[in-house]
Protein backbone atom coordinates (compact mmCIF):
# COMPACT_ATOMS: atom_id res chain seq x y z
CA TYR A 1 0.00 0.02 0.07
CA ILE A 2 1.17 3.44 -1.02
CA GLU A 3 0.00 6.35 0.80
CA PRO A 4 -1.60 9.01 -1.47
CA GLY A 5 0.78 11.85 -2.15
CA SER A 6 3.87 9.66 -1.42
CA PRO A 7 5.29 8.58 -4.63
CA TRP A 8 8.76 7.90 -3.08
CA GLU A 9 7.23 5.07 -1.34
CA ASN A 10 7.17 3.09 -4.63
CA GLY A 11 10.52 1.81 -5.44
CA PHE A 12 9.78 0.91 -8.85
CA CYS A 13 8.69 4.33 -9.70
CA GLU A 14 11.88 5.66 -7.78
CA SER A 15 14.21 3.50 -9.63
CA PHE A 16 12.86 4.46 -12.95
CA ASN A 17 12.93 8.28 -11.98
CA GLY A 18 16.38 7.79 -10.95
CA ARG A 19 17.54 6.28 -14.13
CA MET A 20 15.77 8.79 -16.21
CA ARG A 21 17.49 11.69 -14.25
CA ASP A 22 20.90 10.03 -14.54
CA GLU A 23 20.81 8.80 -18.01
CA LEU A 24 18.71 11.52 -19.80
CA LEU A 25 17.84 14.74 -18.05
CA ASN A 26 21.04 15.48 -16.31
CA GLY A 27 22.99 15.22 -19.67
CA GLU A 28 20.37 17.19 -22.00
CA ILE A 29 19.23 20.93 -22.23
CA PHE A 30 15.97 21.26 -24.09
CA TYR A 31 15.36 24.45 -25.99
CA SER A 32 11.77 23.61 -26.80
CA LEU A 33 9.01 21.44 -25.73
CA ARG A 34 8.89 19.56 -29.22
CA GLU A 35 12.73 18.96 -28.83
CA ALA A 36 12.13 17.53 -25.34
CA GLN A 37 9.19 15.26 -26.50
CA ILE A 38 11.50 13.85 -29.47
CA ILE A 39 14.39 13.18 -27.42
CA ILE A 40 12.40 11.65 -24.44
CA GLU A 41 10.60 9.51 -26.73
CA GLU A 42 13.85 8.02 -28.31
CA TRP A 43 15.22 7.57 -24.80
CA ARG A 44 11.93 5.73 -24.01
CA LYS A 45 12.12 3.48 -26.94
CA HIS A 46 15.84 2.66 -26.11
CA TYR A 47 15.02 2.01 -22.45
CA ASN A 48 12.02 -0.45 -23.27
CA THR A 49 13.55 -2.38 -26.07
CA LYS A 50 17.33 -2.28 -26.52
CA ARG A 51 18.76 -1.40 -22.84
CA PRO A 52 19.87 -4.37 -20.99
CA HIS A 53 18.24 -4.96 -17.57
CA SER A 54 19.59 -6.36 -14.51
CA ALA A 55 16.47 -8.15 -13.48
CA LEU A 56 16.27 -10.00 -17.02
CA GLY A 57 19.82 -11.35 -16.69
CA TYR A 58 21.06 -8.24 -18.57
CA ARG A 59 18.96 -9.13 -21.56
CA SER A 60 16.79 -6.49 -23.32
CA PRO A 61 13.05 -6.45 -22.27
CA ALA A 62 11.67 -6.42 -25.85
CA PRO A 63 14.35 -7.02 -28.57
CA GLU A 64 13.38 -6.00 -32.02
CA THR A 65 12.12 -8.96 -33.98
CA ILE A 66 12.09 -7.13 -37.33
CA ILE A 67 15.48 -6.12 -38.88
CA PRO A 68 15.20 -3.01 -40.98
CA MET A 69 16.22 -3.54 -44.53
CA GLU A 70 19.37 -1.61 -44.47
CA HIS A 71 20.76 -3.75 -41.55
CA ARG A 72 20.04 -7.32 -43.03
CA PRO A 73 22.87 -9.12 -44.17
CA ILE A 74 23.31 -9.57 -48.01
CA MET A 75 22.82 -12.91 -49.28
CA HIS A 76 24.42 -13.87 -52.61
């Protein structure tokens, strides 16, 4: 049970907020709302699909299953 108005009591949210602050927000300066939206969305995609997570044995949570055409090996 988390007391209303006490988000710091939720360890999952606290962990995510700390990672977002350390990995993204401390290293960026946003000059517009649109720029912030684009950069944060790119970071979110990376965090949710490519970044290794310790709880998953350092595997990515949702690896891409479709390889874009430019990254596929060329078969002769």
